[in-house]
Structures are given as C-alpha cells and as structure tokens.
C-alpha cells in the first residue's frame, strides 16, 4: 500500500503541483467573494 502511494506520487509530481495551485486559487477566490458584501 505504501509503495503504491510512493509510485503514484513519483509518476504524477507535475500534476500534483497543478492541483495544489488550483485548489489554492479556489480558496483565495472563495475568501475574496465572502469579503465582498462587507465592502459595500
């Protein structure tokens, strides 16, 4: 099981970074959208 996880991580390093960047940007957009109604 642990070796399977290591193999998957070693094969998909580039896509994992893209997923992390995408998830971070979604969180930033969500937080910005939550703060917009308070600005008006």
Protein backbone atom coordinates (compact mmCIF):
# COMPACT_ATOMS: atom_id res chain seq x y z
CA UNK A 1 0.00 0.00 0.00
CA UNK A 2 2.73 2.46 0.96
CA UNK A 3 4.82 1.51 -2.06
CA UNK A 4 1.79 2.07 -4.31
CA UNK A 5 1.35 5.58 -2.93
CA UNK A 6 5.04 6.32 -3.45
CA UNK A 7 4.84 5.12 -7.06
CA UNK A 8 1.79 7.25 -7.78
CA UNK A 9 3.43 10.32 -6.26
CA UNK A 10 6.64 9.81 -8.19
CA UNK A 11 4.77 9.46 -11.51
CA UNK A 12 2.47 12.44 -11.07
CA UNK A 13 4.60 15.14 -9.48
CA UNK A 14 3.77 17.84 -12.06
CA UNK A 15 0.02 17.30 -11.85
CA UNK A 16 0.08 17.33 -8.05
CA UNK A 17 1.64 20.81 -8.11
CA UNK A 18 -1.00 21.95 -10.60
CA UNK A 19 -3.74 20.59 -8.32
CA UNK A 20 -2.24 22.39 -5.32
CA UNK A 21 -2.10 25.69 -7.23
CA UNK A 22 -5.66 25.21 -8.45
CA UNK A 23 -7.02 24.43 -5.00
CA UNK A 24 -5.19 27.41 -3.51
CA UNK A 25 -6.61 29.74 -6.15
CA UNK A 26 -10.13 28.44 -5.47
CA UNK A 27 -9.71 29.14 -1.76
CA UNK A 28 -8.45 32.67 -2.50
CA UNK A 29 -11.41 33.35 -4.79
CA UNK A 30 -13.83 31.98 -2.18
CA UNK A 31 -12.36 34.14 0.58
CA UNK A 32 -12.45 37.22 -1.67
CA UNK A 33 -16.09 36.54 -2.57
CA UNK A 34 -17.00 36.20 1.10
CA UNK A 35 -15.46 39.58 1.89
CA UNK A 36 -17.08 41.47 -1.00
CA UNK A 37 -20.54 42.01 0.58
CA UNK A 38 -18.94 43.63 3.62
CA UNK A 39 -17.19 46.22 1.46
CA UNK A 40 -20.40 47.77 0.14
